[in-house]
Structure formats: structure tokens, C-alpha cells
Amino acid sequence: MASPHNKLRKKKLGSYPFLSVVFSITLALFVIGVFGALVIYSRELERAVRQNIRIQVYLKNQITPTQQKQIENALRARYFVPQQSPTEAITFISKDEAARQFLKETGEDFKKFLGENPLRDAFLVRVDDRYQDATSLAKIKVEVEKMNGVFQVHYVENVVESINKNVTKIALILIGLAGLLLAVVVLLINNTLRLALFSQRFLIRSMQLVGARHGFIQRPFLLRALWHGALSGLLAGALLAGALYLAHQRIEELALIQNNRQLVMLVGSLVVMGIFVAIVSTWRAVHKYLKLSLDELY
């Protein structure tokens, strides 16, 4: 008579390792989620930096308020000003306000030793992302300086070039890492499920021997894979949300570049990816065991 210990071992021999499978898939998806969140935050940071790229349009002295308004309207209608928010893209800074800001930042009042305010009224104009390369900005500078009432156009040329170069490099690195990481995660999930189904190979053969069709045999395994993939995706999303919450507690500035809509889409993508990879990997593994001979099963 078999001992209870031996019965337990026999029962476990062909059991499906539910916890290890879900844990492995969850961990793999969580890594993808963390990388995806880094990509989202980096893109939002890039967007925030680009929104601060502005040209400074200095006006001539002694222009009337009417001329100033005409210049503002002309600038607002230009192709390089973001049309989604043309009003917010243009800010007027009077020379008196500029003097107060200079005094606040440096503590020096140049009016005392110059006797007058040498600064000029100016418009700060945000440039659309499509026209922030060096060639377009140089063209914009020439065009705006030809407008009546405009004295000079200025922008920090070296900073713009540096931003464009760094953004391009970062984008290429992120694309390369994303492709590599995605391939590694897919292989990890695939191998995890193949190993898990290895213990089910005799069950598959038993179903074949009683005349079950391939579709009938595969169906319960695919349904289980769907459930495991969805559960793993949800757990990975919950872990990601917890990690981001802790990160925001430590770095409050992250709230400035947070994009909740894209983060929700990322969590949804983790669930879809978990389901898709789990189903495909399970189908391939079961299909493989259906074709093996009895000798190959051992």
C-alpha cells in the first residue's frame, strides 16, 4: 500500500505550476511596464523642454499700442506658432517688467547708474515642435525681423542644437533597448510556459489516445493561458502603479511630467501583451506535444 507521502508526490508530478507561471509572467511584464513608464516620462520631459523653447522678439522704441497689437496679431497668425493654443504661445514682457525681473534675480538696479531703462518691450513666442531645428529657426528669425516695428529676434542657438541632438540620441537608444527587452521578455514567457506544459505532456497524449480532436485538447490549455496572461498583466499593472506612487512620493517633480492617459494605456497594453504571448506560447507548446511520438515524450 502506497504511503500518503508517495501519493502526494504522484499528485504533484503532473500538476501545473500555477504560481511559478503567473509569477514569472508578472515579473517579465513588470519589467516591460517599468521601461514603458520611463519612455513615457522621457517623452513628456522632452515635450516640456521643447515648450520652453521660445524666440524673443524685441520691439523698437516709441511704437504705439496699436502697432504693438498689430505685431502680436501678425505673430499669432504665423505658421510656426502652435495653432492649438496660439494665445498662450505668445507672451508680452514690457521693459519695466523685464527690469523688475532683472532686479529680483540679480539684486542690481541698472537704472541708478544708467539713469534710464535700456531694455525693450518684447514678445516671447513659443515655436511649434516641427520648426525647432536650426535651419527653421534661422529662417523664422529672418522673417520676423523684417516685420515693421521689430528691432531684433533672439534665441539661444547652442541650446536648441544641443536639445535636438540629445533628443535624437535618446530616442535611438530607447528604441534599441525596447526592441531588445521585448524580445527577451517574449522568450522568457515562452520558455516558462513550455516548461510548465512539459508536466502536462502525458495528459495530452492520454486525451489523444481516447480520440479527442486537437482543437478539443488545446481549448482548455488556451483558456488557462488567457486567464494567466490577463491575471499577470493586471498584477504587473498594479505593481507598476505602486512603484510609480512611491517614486512620486520621493520625487515630487515627476507630477509635472506625468501623463495619466498614456500610463493607463500602458497598463492595458501589459494585459493585452500578457494574454497574447501566453496564448501563442501555449498553442505552440501544446501543438509540439501533439506531434511527438511516445518515445519522444520520455
Protein backbone atom coordinates (compact mmCIF):
# COMPACT_ATOMS: atom_id res chain seq x y z
CA MET A 1 0.00 0.00 0.00
CA ALA A 2 1.40 3.41 -1.04
CA SER A 3 2.15 5.85 1.72
CA PRO A 4 0.41 9.28 1.86
CA HIS A 5 3.77 10.84 1.08
CA ASN A 6 4.10 8.88 -2.16
CA LYS A 7 0.51 9.76 -3.14
CA LEU A 8 1.31 13.44 -2.65
CA ARG A 9 4.40 13.13 -4.81
CA LYS A 10 2.42 11.38 -7.57
CA LYS A 11 -0.21 14.07 -7.45
CA LYS A 12 2.37 16.83 -7.76
CA LEU A 13 4.25 15.11 -10.57
CA GLY A 14 1.75 16.08 -13.25
CA SER A 15 0.36 19.22 -11.64
CA TYR A 16 0.50 22.59 -13.36
CA PRO A 17 2.84 25.10 -11.63
CA PHE A 18 0.28 27.90 -11.42
CA LEU A 19 2.11 30.20 -9.01
CA SER A 20 5.50 29.99 -10.71
CA VAL A 21 3.96 30.62 -14.14
CA VAL A 22 1.97 33.66 -13.01
CA PHE A 23 4.95 34.98 -11.03
CA SER A 24 7.32 34.64 -14.00
CA ILE A 25 4.93 36.27 -16.47
CA THR A 26 4.10 39.05 -13.99
CA LEU A 27 7.78 39.79 -13.39
CA ALA A 28 8.52 39.89 -17.13
CA LEU A 29 5.57 42.20 -17.81
CA PHE A 30 6.51 44.40 -14.85
CA VAL A 31 9.99 44.93 -16.34
CA ILE A 32 8.38 45.91 -19.65
CA GLY A 33 6.00 48.23 -17.75
CA VAL A 34 8.84 49.99 -15.91
CA PHE A 35 10.67 50.55 -19.18
CA GLY A 36 7.46 51.76 -20.83
CA ALA A 37 6.90 54.22 -17.98
CA LEU A 38 10.45 55.52 -18.41
CA VAL A 39 9.76 56.08 -22.11
CA ILE A 40 6.52 57.95 -21.31
CA TYR A 41 8.18 60.17 -18.72
CA SER A 42 11.14 60.87 -21.00
CA ARG A 43 8.81 61.90 -23.83
CA GLU A 44 6.84 64.16 -21.50
CA LEU A 45 10.10 65.69 -20.28
CA GLU A 46 11.13 66.29 -23.88
CA ARG A 47 7.77 67.91 -24.58
CA ALA A 48 8.12 70.16 -21.53
CA VAL A 49 11.62 71.18 -22.59
CA ARG A 50 10.50 71.91 -26.14
CA GLN A 51 7.60 74.02 -24.88
CA ASN A 52 10.15 76.28 -23.23
CA ILE A 53 11.99 76.91 -26.50
CA ARG A 54 10.95 80.43 -27.38
CA ILE A 55 12.20 83.18 -29.60
CA GLN A 56 12.49 86.65 -28.11
CA VAL A 57 11.06 89.32 -30.40
CA TYR A 58 12.32 92.74 -29.27
CA LEU A 59 10.30 95.74 -30.39
CA LYS A 60 11.51 99.14 -31.49
CA ASN A 61 11.22 102.03 -29.09
CA GLN A 62 8.41 104.56 -29.34
CA ILE A 63 5.90 102.24 -31.04
CA THR A 64 2.24 102.81 -30.25
CA PRO A 65 -0.07 100.30 -28.51
CA THR A 66 -1.87 99.87 -31.83
CA GLN A 67 1.37 98.89 -33.59
CA GLN A 68 2.20 96.54 -30.74
CA LYS A 69 -1.18 94.83 -31.12
CA GLN A 70 -0.69 94.53 -34.88
CA ILE A 71 2.67 92.84 -34.35
CA GLU A 72 1.13 90.43 -31.83
CA ASN A 73 -1.70 89.51 -34.25
CA ALA A 74 0.78 89.05 -37.08
CA LEU A 75 2.92 86.75 -34.95
CA ARG A 76 -0.10 84.73 -33.81
CA ALA A 77 -1.04 84.08 -37.44
CA ARG A 78 2.40 82.77 -38.39
CA TYR A 79 2.82 79.13 -39.38
CA PHE A 80 5.46 78.41 -36.73
CA VAL A 81 3.19 79.33 -33.78
CA PRO A 82 1.29 76.31 -32.33
CA GLN A 83 -2.28 76.64 -33.61
CA GLN A 84 -3.74 74.56 -30.77
CA SER A 85 -3.05 77.39 -28.32
CA PRO A 86 -1.88 80.49 -30.21
CA THR A 87 -2.91 82.82 -27.38
CA GLU A 88 -0.83 81.00 -24.76
CA ALA A 89 2.11 80.69 -27.16
CA ILE A 90 2.76 84.45 -27.17
CA THR A 91 3.61 86.39 -24.01
CA PHE A 92 4.26 90.13 -23.84
CA ILE A 93 7.00 91.34 -21.49
CA SER A 94 7.23 95.11 -21.06
CA LYS A 95 10.64 96.66 -20.48
CA ASP A 96 9.55 97.78 -16.98
CA GLU A 97 8.54 94.22 -16.09
CA ALA A 98 11.83 92.93 -17.51
CA ALA A 99 13.70 95.44 -15.34
CA ARG A 100 11.83 94.26 -12.22
CA GLN A 101 12.66 90.63 -13.03
CA PHE A 102 16.33 91.54 -13.54
CA LEU A 103 16.41 93.36 -10.20
CA LYS A 104 14.75 90.41 -8.45
CA GLU A 105 17.17 87.87 -9.93
CA THR A 106 20.43 89.82 -9.63
CA GLY A 107 19.73 92.43 -6.96
CA GLU A 108 21.24 95.13 -9.21
CA ASP A 109 19.31 98.21 -10.32
CA PHE A 110 20.93 99.44 -13.54
CA LYS A 111 18.61 102.47 -13.61
CA LYS A 112 20.61 104.04 -10.77
CA PHE A 113 23.90 104.22 -12.71
CA LEU A 114 22.50 104.41 -16.26
CA GLY A 115 19.73 106.86 -15.49
CA GLU A 116 17.28 105.03 -17.75
CA ASN A 117 15.93 101.59 -18.65
CA PRO A 118 17.88 100.29 -21.69
CA LEU A 119 15.66 97.22 -22.09
CA ARG A 120 12.99 96.88 -24.75
CA ASP A 121 9.43 95.62 -24.85
CA ALA A 122 9.40 92.07 -26.17
CA PHE A 123 7.22 89.15 -27.14
CA LEU A 124 8.19 85.65 -26.07
CA VAL A 125 6.96 83.35 -28.85
CA ARG A 126 6.82 79.57 -28.46
CA VAL A 127 7.77 77.73 -31.64
CA ASP A 128 5.93 74.63 -32.83
CA ASP A 129 7.90 71.39 -32.40
CA ARG A 130 8.07 70.91 -36.17
CA TYR A 131 10.10 74.11 -36.60
CA GLN A 132 12.61 73.80 -33.77
CA ASP A 133 15.56 72.66 -35.86
CA ALA A 134 18.41 75.08 -36.51
CA THR A 135 17.51 75.71 -40.17
CA SER A 136 13.85 76.54 -39.45
CA LEU A 137 14.70 78.80 -36.50
CA ALA A 138 17.22 80.73 -38.60
CA LYS A 139 14.56 81.20 -41.29
CA ILE A 140 12.00 82.33 -38.70
CA LYS A 141 14.47 84.84 -37.27
CA VAL A 142 14.99 86.45 -40.70
CA GLU A 143 11.24 86.57 -41.44
CA VAL A 144 10.22 88.12 -38.12
CA GLU A 145 13.00 90.73 -38.19
CA LYS A 146 11.51 92.03 -41.46
CA MET A 147 8.22 92.90 -39.73
CA ASN A 148 7.52 96.58 -39.13
CA GLY A 149 8.22 97.59 -35.54
CA VAL A 150 10.50 94.64 -34.78
CA PHE A 151 14.01 95.59 -33.65
CA GLN A 152 15.64 92.18 -33.22
CA VAL A 153 14.90 88.47 -32.82
CA HIS A 154 16.98 86.36 -30.47
CA TYR A 155 17.09 82.72 -29.39
CA VAL A 156 19.74 80.57 -27.70
CA GLU A 157 21.09 78.79 -30.73
CA ASN A 158 23.55 76.43 -28.97
CA VAL A 159 20.91 75.23 -26.51
CA VAL A 160 18.45 74.41 -29.30
CA GLU A 161 21.06 72.42 -31.23
CA SER A 162 22.09 70.57 -28.06
CA ILE A 163 18.47 69.66 -27.26
CA ASN A 164 17.82 68.35 -30.78
CA LYS A 165 20.99 66.22 -30.79
CA ASN A 166 20.38 64.76 -27.34
CA VAL A 167 16.71 64.01 -28.05
CA THR A 168 17.69 62.12 -31.22
CA LYS A 169 20.33 60.09 -29.39
CA ILE A 170 17.99 59.25 -26.51
CA ALA A 171 15.21 58.22 -28.93
CA LEU A 172 17.54 55.83 -30.81
CA ILE A 173 18.83 54.30 -27.56
CA LEU A 174 15.30 53.81 -26.20
CA ILE A 175 14.10 52.20 -29.44
CA GLY A 176 17.04 49.78 -29.42
CA LEU A 177 16.57 48.88 -25.75
CA ALA A 178 12.81 48.50 -26.22
CA GLY A 179 13.29 46.02 -29.06
CA LEU A 180 15.90 44.02 -27.14
CA LEU A 181 13.88 43.97 -23.92
CA LEU A 182 10.70 42.97 -25.72
CA ALA A 183 12.46 40.04 -27.40
CA VAL A 184 13.93 38.88 -24.07
CA VAL A 185 10.56 39.10 -22.29
CA VAL A 186 8.74 37.19 -25.04
CA LEU A 187 11.38 34.44 -24.93
CA LEU A 188 11.17 34.31 -21.13
CA ILE A 189 7.39 33.93 -21.11
CA ASN A 190 7.56 31.39 -23.96
CA ASN A 191 10.14 29.22 -22.14
CA THR A 192 8.25 29.48 -18.85
CA LEU A 193 5.05 28.17 -20.43
CA ARG A 194 6.86 25.45 -22.35
CA LEU A 195 8.43 24.17 -19.13
CA ALA A 196 5.09 24.37 -17.34
CA LEU A 197 3.36 22.35 -20.07
CA PHE A 198 6.14 19.76 -20.03
CA SER A 199 4.44 18.19 -17.00
CA GLN A 200 1.18 18.01 -18.97
CA ARG A 201 2.54 16.07 -21.94
CA PHE A 202 1.21 12.69 -20.75
CA LEU A 203 -2.22 14.20 -20.13
CA ILE A 204 -2.19 15.49 -23.70
CA ARG A 205 -1.21 12.03 -25.00
CA SER A 206 -3.97 10.38 -22.91
CA MET A 207 -6.55 12.68 -24.48
CA GLN A 208 -5.20 11.79 -27.91
CA LEU A 209 -5.49 8.07 -27.17
CA VAL A 210 -9.20 8.34 -26.35
CA GLY A 211 -9.84 10.06 -29.69
CA ALA A 212 -10.02 13.72 -28.70
CA ARG A 213 -9.50 16.17 -31.56
CA HIS A 214 -6.60 18.62 -31.48
CA GLY A 215 -8.90 21.61 -31.06
CA PHE A 216 -10.68 19.97 -28.12
CA ILE A 217 -7.33 19.19 -26.45
CA GLN A 218 -5.93 22.69 -26.98
CA ARG A 219 -9.02 24.59 -25.83
CA PRO A 220 -8.64 24.18 -22.02
CA PHE A 221 -4.92 24.97 -22.19
CA LEU A 222 -5.56 28.11 -24.25
CA LEU A 223 -8.33 29.25 -21.89
CA ARG A 224 -6.00 28.77 -18.95
CA ALA A 225 -3.28 30.70 -20.78
CA LEU A 226 -5.75 33.55 -21.39
CA TRP A 227 -6.59 33.65 -17.68
CA HIS A 228 -2.94 33.51 -16.62
CA GLY A 229 -1.92 36.19 -19.10
CA ALA A 230 -4.73 38.55 -18.02
CA LEU A 231 -4.03 37.97 -14.31
CA SER A 232 -0.30 38.51 -14.80
CA GLY A 233 -0.93 41.69 -16.78
CA LEU A 234 -3.20 43.07 -14.04
CA LEU A 235 -0.70 42.16 -11.32
CA ALA A 236 2.12 43.77 -13.30
CA GLY A 237 -0.01 46.90 -13.75
CA ALA A 238 -0.73 47.02 -10.01
CA LEU A 239 2.98 46.64 -9.20
CA LEU A 240 3.82 49.37 -11.70
CA ALA A 241 1.21 51.71 -10.17
CA GLY A 242 2.66 51.05 -6.72
CA ALA A 243 6.22 51.71 -7.93
CA LEU A 244 5.17 54.97 -9.60
CA TYR A 245 3.32 56.04 -6.44
CA LEU A 246 6.47 55.51 -4.37
CA ALA A 247 8.55 57.34 -6.98
CA HIS A 248 6.17 60.32 -6.86
CA GLN A 249 6.40 60.37 -3.06
CA ARG A 250 10.16 60.70 -3.27
CA ILE A 251 10.39 62.92 -6.37
CA GLU A 252 7.50 65.39 -6.37
CA GLU A 253 8.64 66.97 -9.65
CA LEU A 254 7.55 63.83 -11.52
CA ALA A 255 3.97 65.10 -11.26
CA LEU A 256 4.91 67.86 -13.74
CA ILE A 257 5.65 65.34 -16.49
CA GLN A 258 3.02 62.71 -15.67
CA ASN A 259 0.66 61.60 -18.43
CA ASN A 260 -2.13 59.58 -16.81
CA ARG A 261 -3.80 58.70 -20.12
CA GLN A 262 -0.67 57.10 -21.53
CA LEU A 263 0.06 55.30 -18.25
CA VAL A 264 -3.43 53.77 -18.29
CA MET A 265 -2.86 52.72 -21.90
CA LEU A 266 0.46 51.18 -20.82
CA VAL A 267 -1.28 49.05 -18.16
CA GLY A 268 -3.87 47.97 -20.74
CA SER A 269 -1.05 47.06 -23.12
CA LEU A 270 0.55 44.88 -20.44
CA VAL A 271 -2.70 42.92 -20.06
CA VAL A 272 -3.10 42.52 -23.84
CA MET A 273 0.55 41.53 -24.23
CA GLY A 274 0.31 39.02 -21.39
CA ILE A 275 -2.76 37.39 -22.95
CA PHE A 276 -1.33 37.36 -26.48
CA VAL A 277 2.11 35.96 -25.62
CA ALA A 278 0.66 33.39 -23.20
CA ILE A 279 -1.87 32.10 -25.75
CA VAL A 280 0.64 31.93 -28.62
CA SER A 281 3.31 30.26 -26.46
CA THR A 282 0.80 27.77 -25.06
CA TRP A 283 -0.56 26.94 -28.53
CA ARG A 284 2.96 26.31 -29.83
CA ALA A 285 3.88 24.11 -26.86
CA VAL A 286 0.69 22.02 -26.99
CA HIS A 287 0.98 21.72 -30.77
CA LYS A 288 4.52 20.42 -30.32
CA TYR A 289 3.48 17.75 -27.78
CA LEU A 290 0.59 16.67 -30.01
CA LYS A 291 3.08 15.77 -32.74
CA LEU A 292 5.58 13.91 -30.56
CA SER A 293 5.81 10.13 -30.64
CA LEU A 294 5.52 8.10 -27.44
CA ASP A 295 9.29 7.59 -27.30
CA GLU A 296 9.90 11.32 -27.68
CA LEU A 297 7.57 12.09 -24.77
CA TYR A 298 10.03 10.30 -22.46
